[in-house]
Amino acid sequence: MAFPSDDNVIIGLNRADDAGVYQISEDLALIQTVDFFTPIVDDPYWFGQIAAANALSDVYAMGGTPKTAMNIVAFPAGEMDLAILRQIIQGGIDKLKEAGVVLIGGHSIKDKQIKYGLSVTGIIHPDRVLSKKNLRPGDRLVLTKPLGTGVINTAIKAAIAPEQLAQKVTFLMAALNREAARIMAGFDISACTDVTGSGLLGHLAEMVDGSGASLKIESGRVPVIAQALEFASMGLIPMGAYKNKEFHEKRIAITKTVPRNLQDLLFDPQTSGGLLISVRADQTTGLLAALKAAGIEDAAQIGEIIDLKEEKIWVV
């Protein structure tokens, strides 16, 4: 299939990434992304918050600043109270205000299933674009949010997660990656992505593909939601985790010493997860200190890039 091409495209379909990037001038490029999904929490307002944070995250992962957004809405009008839709959109608007992003339009359709998200446009200098494909041997990998939201949401649907935990996970998913992106801009970063539906190991597999390098992940250092380990041990694993493992397992080698419940969390599909940052080794401590000083307390070094030419992920 032949796609339209343009010499000003910096990142497009030829090298799939978190967002597309189009150069406007010598010092300005546009970052464009779109994301929407069905409700993952019962509260309409918080669903709107989470969906907006998730859509904005792709721009942050590219190193850019989101500026404008357009709503994407599917709603069963006539079958459900429009007050629910208003709450969803208000949640999205409030998150955009927090991010300093302007809502400039959108589109809605009638559908049996609620769906909400945003098309987001950001800006960046063409020389500062971050890609998930530029791993640098010797770099360290830093993750800014803990894993386990997929497992916790499964437990919530099963009505066995306590309310306090449900609230904690909701706040975590609704948290912007803006501050983490601002902080990493002051360090020597070679690659970045945000951890979402493909899970941590799925996103790492995407980063490794075509890189000519391999990764070593220290499973014990990966930040996780403690209760998610308990629920994973009970078998409360979302179907997406199994699909992630099946799709990416050829690139991944996990030692037998890694507990099964932790293995499941490494494949757990996240919603509005953290940034996964490849930083120069001698700047790792400084990056972590800056992240934690800004309140991103779960940030942790989880591994390193090794130049083995195998394009494989070793989990120990």
Protein backbone atom coordinates (compact mmCIF):
# COMPACT_ATOMS: atom_id res chain seq x y z
CA MET A 1 0.00 0.00 0.00
CA ALA A 2 1.46 3.34 -1.07
CA PHE A 3 0.99 6.26 1.34
CA PRO A 4 1.29 9.96 0.47
CA SER A 5 4.79 11.29 1.17
CA ASP A 6 6.34 14.66 1.89
CA ASP A 7 9.97 15.63 2.49
CA ASN A 8 8.95 17.62 5.57
CA VAL A 9 7.77 14.51 7.42
CA ILE A 10 10.29 13.79 10.18
CA ILE A 11 8.43 10.83 11.67
CA GLY A 12 5.61 9.15 9.77
CA LEU A 13 4.29 5.75 8.83
CA ASN A 14 7.68 4.60 7.57
CA ARG A 15 8.88 4.42 11.20
CA ALA A 16 5.86 4.06 13.45
CA ASP A 17 6.25 5.96 16.70
CA ASP A 18 4.12 7.53 19.43
CA ALA A 19 3.15 10.42 17.16
CA GLY A 20 3.78 11.88 13.74
CA VAL A 21 6.12 14.86 13.33
CA TYR A 22 6.01 17.38 10.46
CA GLN A 23 8.57 20.15 10.00
CA ILE A 24 7.15 23.63 9.39
CA SER A 25 10.35 25.67 9.43
CA GLU A 26 14.00 25.44 10.49
CA ASP A 27 13.06 25.82 14.14
CA LEU A 28 9.49 24.51 14.32
CA ALA A 29 7.81 21.14 13.83
CA LEU A 30 4.30 19.91 14.60
CA ILE A 31 3.62 16.76 16.63
CA GLN A 32 0.29 15.12 15.86
CA THR A 33 -1.42 12.25 17.64
CA VAL A 34 -4.88 10.81 18.31
CA ASP A 35 -6.18 8.40 20.93
CA PHE A 36 -9.58 7.38 22.26
CA PHE A 37 -11.10 4.39 24.03
CA THR A 38 -14.08 3.02 25.94
CA PRO A 39 -14.58 3.82 29.65
CA ILE A 40 -12.13 2.15 32.03
CA VAL A 41 -13.61 3.68 35.20
CA ASP A 42 -17.25 4.13 36.21
CA ASP A 43 -17.03 7.83 37.01
CA PRO A 44 -17.65 9.84 33.78
CA TYR A 45 -15.64 12.85 34.93
CA TRP A 46 -12.57 10.79 35.77
CA PHE A 47 -12.91 8.85 32.53
CA GLY A 48 -12.63 12.18 30.72
CA GLN A 49 -9.58 13.13 32.77
CA ILE A 50 -7.82 9.83 32.08
CA ALA A 51 -8.61 9.83 28.35
CA ALA A 52 -7.25 13.36 27.98
CA ALA A 53 -4.07 12.62 29.94
CA ASN A 54 -3.53 9.51 27.82
CA ALA A 55 -3.89 11.43 24.54
CA LEU A 56 -1.56 14.21 25.68
CA SER A 57 1.09 11.72 26.76
CA ASP A 58 2.24 10.91 23.21
CA VAL A 59 3.31 14.52 22.70
CA TYR A 60 5.24 14.52 25.97
CA ALA A 61 6.94 11.26 24.96
CA MET A 62 8.20 12.91 21.76
CA GLY A 63 9.75 15.72 23.84
CA GLY A 64 7.18 18.25 22.69
CA THR A 65 4.68 20.70 24.16
CA PRO A 66 0.97 20.06 23.45
CA LYS A 67 -0.88 23.17 22.31
CA THR A 68 -4.29 22.34 20.82
CA ALA A 69 -6.76 19.47 21.00
CA MET A 70 -9.99 18.31 19.37
CA ASN A 71 -12.57 16.06 21.02
CA ILE A 72 -13.50 12.65 19.59
CA VAL A 73 -16.82 11.40 20.97
CA ALA A 74 -19.07 8.38 20.44
CA PHE A 75 -22.19 8.36 22.62
CA PRO A 76 -25.56 6.55 22.71
CA ALA A 77 -27.64 9.72 22.44
CA GLY A 78 -31.31 9.07 23.17
CA GLU A 79 -30.43 5.99 25.23
CA MET A 80 -28.26 7.56 27.91
CA ASP A 81 -28.52 10.80 29.86
CA LEU A 82 -26.54 13.58 28.17
CA ALA A 83 -25.43 14.69 31.62
CA ILE A 84 -23.00 11.75 31.52
CA LEU A 85 -21.46 13.06 28.31
CA ARG A 86 -21.15 16.53 29.81
CA GLN A 87 -19.22 15.09 32.75
CA ILE A 88 -16.86 13.19 30.44
CA ILE A 89 -16.15 16.28 28.37
CA GLN A 90 -15.74 18.43 31.49
CA GLY A 91 -13.15 15.98 32.77
CA GLY A 92 -11.27 16.29 29.50
CA ILE A 93 -11.51 20.08 29.52
CA ASP A 94 -10.18 20.34 33.07
CA LYS A 95 -7.21 18.14 32.19
CA LEU A 96 -6.50 20.28 29.11
CA LYS A 97 -6.57 23.40 31.29
CA GLU A 98 -4.09 21.79 33.65
CA ALA A 99 -1.83 21.06 30.67
CA GLY A 100 -2.21 24.55 29.19
CA VAL A 101 -3.83 23.15 26.04
CA VAL A 102 -6.63 24.82 24.07
CA LEU A 103 -9.68 22.86 22.89
CA ILE A 104 -10.44 24.08 19.37
CA GLY A 105 -13.13 21.69 18.14
CA GLY A 106 -14.01 18.06 17.71
CA HIS A 107 -16.45 15.57 16.25
CA SER A 108 -19.13 13.31 17.70
CA ILE A 109 -21.18 10.38 16.45
CA LYS A 110 -24.06 8.33 17.84
CA ASP A 111 -22.87 4.89 18.91
CA LYS A 112 -24.07 2.14 21.25
CA GLN A 113 -20.73 2.19 23.07
CA ILE A 114 -19.30 5.29 24.75
CA LYS A 115 -15.88 6.30 23.43
CA TYR A 116 -13.89 9.42 24.18
CA GLY A 117 -10.48 10.80 23.40
CA LEU A 118 -8.61 13.60 21.71
CA SER A 119 -6.62 14.52 18.66
CA VAL A 120 -3.68 16.56 19.94
CA THR A 121 -1.21 18.85 18.20
CA GLY A 122 2.04 19.91 19.84
CA ILE A 123 5.18 21.79 18.86
CA ILE A 124 8.90 21.06 19.07
CA HIS A 125 12.20 22.13 17.55
CA PRO A 126 13.03 19.68 14.73
CA ASP A 127 16.43 18.92 16.29
CA ARG A 128 14.91 17.98 19.65
CA VAL A 129 12.42 15.34 18.53
CA LEU A 130 12.60 12.19 20.64
CA SER A 131 11.86 8.85 19.03
CA LYS A 132 11.44 5.40 20.52
CA LYS A 133 13.81 4.08 17.85
CA ASN A 134 17.09 5.80 18.79
CA LEU A 135 18.40 3.62 21.63
CA ARG A 136 22.05 4.30 22.49
CA PRO A 137 24.25 1.50 23.86
CA GLY A 138 25.35 2.24 27.42
CA ASP A 139 22.27 4.30 28.27
CA ARG A 140 20.13 3.51 31.29
CA LEU A 141 16.36 3.07 31.20
CA VAL A 142 14.15 5.07 33.58
CA LEU A 143 10.41 4.49 34.14
CA THR A 144 8.33 7.25 35.75
CA LYS A 145 5.09 5.47 36.79
CA PRO A 146 4.51 2.07 38.42
CA LEU A 147 2.96 -0.86 36.54
CA GLY A 148 -0.25 -2.64 37.39
CA THR A 149 -3.17 -0.45 36.33
CA GLY A 150 -4.52 -3.12 33.97
CA VAL A 151 -4.58 -5.75 36.71
CA ILE A 152 -6.09 -3.33 39.24
CA ASN A 153 -8.81 -2.30 36.80
CA THR A 154 -9.61 -5.99 36.29
CA ALA A 155 -9.93 -6.36 40.08
CA ILE A 156 -12.18 -3.30 40.19
CA LYS A 157 -14.49 -4.85 37.58
CA ALA A 158 -14.56 -8.01 39.69
CA ALA A 159 -15.63 -5.85 42.68
CA ILE A 160 -12.76 -7.02 44.88
CA ALA A 161 -10.52 -3.92 44.86
CA PRO A 162 -10.99 -1.61 47.85
CA GLU A 163 -12.25 1.89 47.15
CA GLN A 164 -9.02 3.51 48.36
CA LEU A 165 -7.00 1.47 45.83
CA ALA A 166 -9.43 2.26 43.03
CA GLN A 167 -9.07 5.96 43.79
CA LYS A 168 -5.27 5.71 43.90
CA VAL A 169 -5.13 4.04 40.49
CA THR A 170 -7.61 6.53 39.01
CA PHE A 171 -5.43 9.45 40.14
CA LEU A 172 -2.34 7.68 38.77
CA MET A 173 -3.88 7.23 35.32
CA ALA A 174 -5.15 10.81 35.27
CA ALA A 175 -1.72 12.24 36.16
CA LEU A 176 -0.04 14.11 33.32
CA ASN A 177 3.45 13.22 32.12
CA ARG A 178 4.08 16.94 31.63
CA GLU A 179 6.46 17.40 34.56
CA ALA A 180 8.47 14.29 33.69
CA ALA A 181 8.79 15.56 30.11
CA ARG A 182 9.87 19.00 31.30
CA ILE A 183 12.54 17.52 33.54
CA MET A 184 13.97 15.08 30.99
CA ALA A 185 14.43 17.99 28.54
CA GLY A 186 17.37 19.08 30.69
CA PHE A 187 19.23 15.79 30.24
CA ASP A 188 20.90 13.87 27.40
CA ILE A 189 18.04 11.61 26.30
CA SER A 190 18.43 9.31 23.29
CA ALA A 191 14.94 7.78 23.13
CA CYS A 192 11.59 7.91 24.88
CA THR A 193 8.11 6.40 24.73
CA ASP A 194 5.09 6.20 27.02
CA VAL A 195 3.92 2.89 28.44
CA THR A 196 0.33 2.15 27.44
CA GLY A 197 -1.61 -0.78 25.98
CA SER A 198 1.38 -2.83 24.84
CA GLY A 199 2.72 -3.07 28.39
CA LEU A 200 6.28 -2.38 29.50
CA LEU A 201 7.88 -5.29 27.64
CA GLY A 202 5.76 -4.64 24.56
CA HIS A 203 6.95 -1.06 24.36
CA LEU A 204 10.53 -2.14 25.00
CA ALA A 205 10.19 -4.61 22.12
CA GLU A 206 9.06 -1.76 19.86
CA MET A 207 12.09 0.28 20.93
CA VAL A 208 14.48 -2.62 20.28
CA ASP A 209 13.08 -3.37 16.81
CA GLY A 210 15.56 -2.09 14.23
CA SER A 211 17.86 -0.60 16.88
CA GLY A 212 20.74 -3.07 16.58
CA ALA A 213 20.90 -3.24 20.38
CA SER A 214 19.57 -5.39 23.20
CA LEU A 215 18.19 -4.51 26.62
CA LYS A 216 18.79 -5.88 30.09
CA ILE A 217 15.87 -5.31 32.47
CA GLU A 218 16.28 -5.81 36.21
CA SER A 219 12.79 -6.95 37.18
CA GLY A 220 13.31 -6.24 40.86
CA ARG A 221 13.84 -2.55 40.12
CA VAL A 222 10.67 -2.10 38.08
CA PRO A 223 8.17 0.01 40.08
CA VAL A 224 4.84 -1.77 40.53
CA ILE A 225 1.64 -1.21 42.49
CA ALA A 226 2.03 -3.66 45.36
CA GLN A 227 -1.61 -4.76 45.35
CA ALA A 228 -1.35 -5.54 41.64
CA LEU A 229 1.12 -8.32 42.45
CA GLU A 230 -1.44 -9.81 44.85
CA PHE A 231 -4.24 -9.69 42.29
CA ALA A 232 -1.96 -11.08 39.57
CA SER A 233 -1.22 -14.04 41.86
CA MET A 234 -4.99 -14.59 42.03
CA GLY A 235 -5.18 -14.79 38.23
CA LEU A 236 -6.80 -11.40 37.67
CA ILE A 237 -4.87 -10.79 34.45
CA PRO A 238 -6.46 -8.75 31.63
CA MET A 239 -6.65 -10.46 28.25
CA GLY A 240 -4.42 -7.76 26.80
CA ALA A 241 -1.49 -9.00 28.90
CA TYR A 242 -1.70 -12.44 27.32
CA LYS A 243 -1.91 -10.92 23.86
CA ASN A 244 1.12 -8.71 24.56
CA LYS A 245 3.14 -11.72 25.64
CA GLU A 246 2.11 -13.79 22.63
CA PHE A 247 2.92 -10.99 20.18
CA HIS A 248 6.33 -10.02 21.60
CA GLU A 249 7.69 -13.15 23.33
CA LYS A 250 10.13 -14.01 20.52
CA ARG A 251 12.19 -10.94 21.43
CA ILE A 252 12.04 -11.54 25.17
CA ALA A 253 13.99 -13.92 27.42
CA ILE A 254 12.89 -14.03 31.08
CA THR A 255 14.95 -15.91 33.64
CA LYS A 256 13.14 -18.51 35.76
CA THR A 257 13.92 -16.57 38.93
CA VAL A 258 11.48 -13.79 37.99
CA PRO A 259 8.19 -14.50 39.85
CA ARG A 260 5.24 -15.32 37.61
CA ASN A 261 3.05 -12.54 39.00
CA LEU A 262 5.79 -10.00 38.25
CA GLN A 263 6.18 -11.40 34.73
CA ASP A 264 2.45 -10.81 34.22
CA LEU A 265 2.81 -7.17 35.32
CA LEU A 266 5.64 -6.63 32.84
CA PHE A 267 3.13 -7.44 30.07
CA ASP A 268 0.18 -5.73 31.77
CA PRO A 269 -1.55 -3.22 29.44
CA GLN A 270 -1.37 0.22 31.03
CA THR A 271 -3.66 3.18 30.54
CA SER A 272 -1.92 6.56 30.61
CA GLY A 273 1.28 4.99 31.95
CA GLY A 274 4.59 6.65 32.62
CA LEU A 275 7.41 7.75 30.36
CA LEU A 276 10.11 5.20 29.53
CA ILE A 277 13.32 7.20 29.10
CA SER A 278 16.73 6.21 27.73
CA VAL A 279 19.27 8.51 29.39
CA ARG A 280 23.06 8.76 29.32
CA ALA A 281 24.50 6.57 32.06
CA ASP A 282 26.32 9.32 33.96
CA GLN A 283 23.15 11.45 34.04
CA THR A 284 20.83 8.77 35.42
CA THR A 285 21.29 9.72 39.06
CA GLY A 286 20.64 13.38 38.31
CA LEU A 287 17.52 12.60 36.29
CA LEU A 288 16.10 10.40 39.04
CA ALA A 289 16.86 13.00 41.71
CA ALA A 290 15.11 15.71 39.68
CA LEU A 291 12.06 13.52 39.04
CA LYS A 292 11.70 12.59 42.70
CA ALA A 293 12.19 16.21 43.80
CA ALA A 294 9.24 17.09 41.53
CA GLY A 295 7.04 14.54 43.29
CA ILE A 296 7.45 11.70 40.77
CA GLU A 297 8.39 9.35 43.58
CA ASP A 298 7.95 6.05 41.71
CA ALA A 299 10.59 6.91 39.09
CA ALA A 300 13.24 4.21 38.91
CA GLN A 301 16.14 2.95 36.83
CA ILE A 302 15.01 -0.42 35.49
CA GLY A 303 17.71 -1.48 33.03
CA GLU A 304 20.28 -0.61 30.41
CA ILE A 305 20.98 -0.80 26.68
CA ILE A 306 23.65 -3.33 25.74
CA ASP A 307 25.22 -3.49 22.28
CA LEU A 308 24.79 -7.17 21.39
CA LYS A 309 23.23 -6.72 17.92
CA GLU A 310 20.54 -9.29 18.82
CA GLU A 311 17.68 -6.85 19.33
CA LYS A 312 16.51 -8.87 22.32
CA ILE A 313 15.27 -8.10 25.82
CA TRP A 314 16.84 -9.99 28.73
CA VAL A 315 14.79 -9.87 31.93
CA VAL A 316 16.61 -10.94 35.09
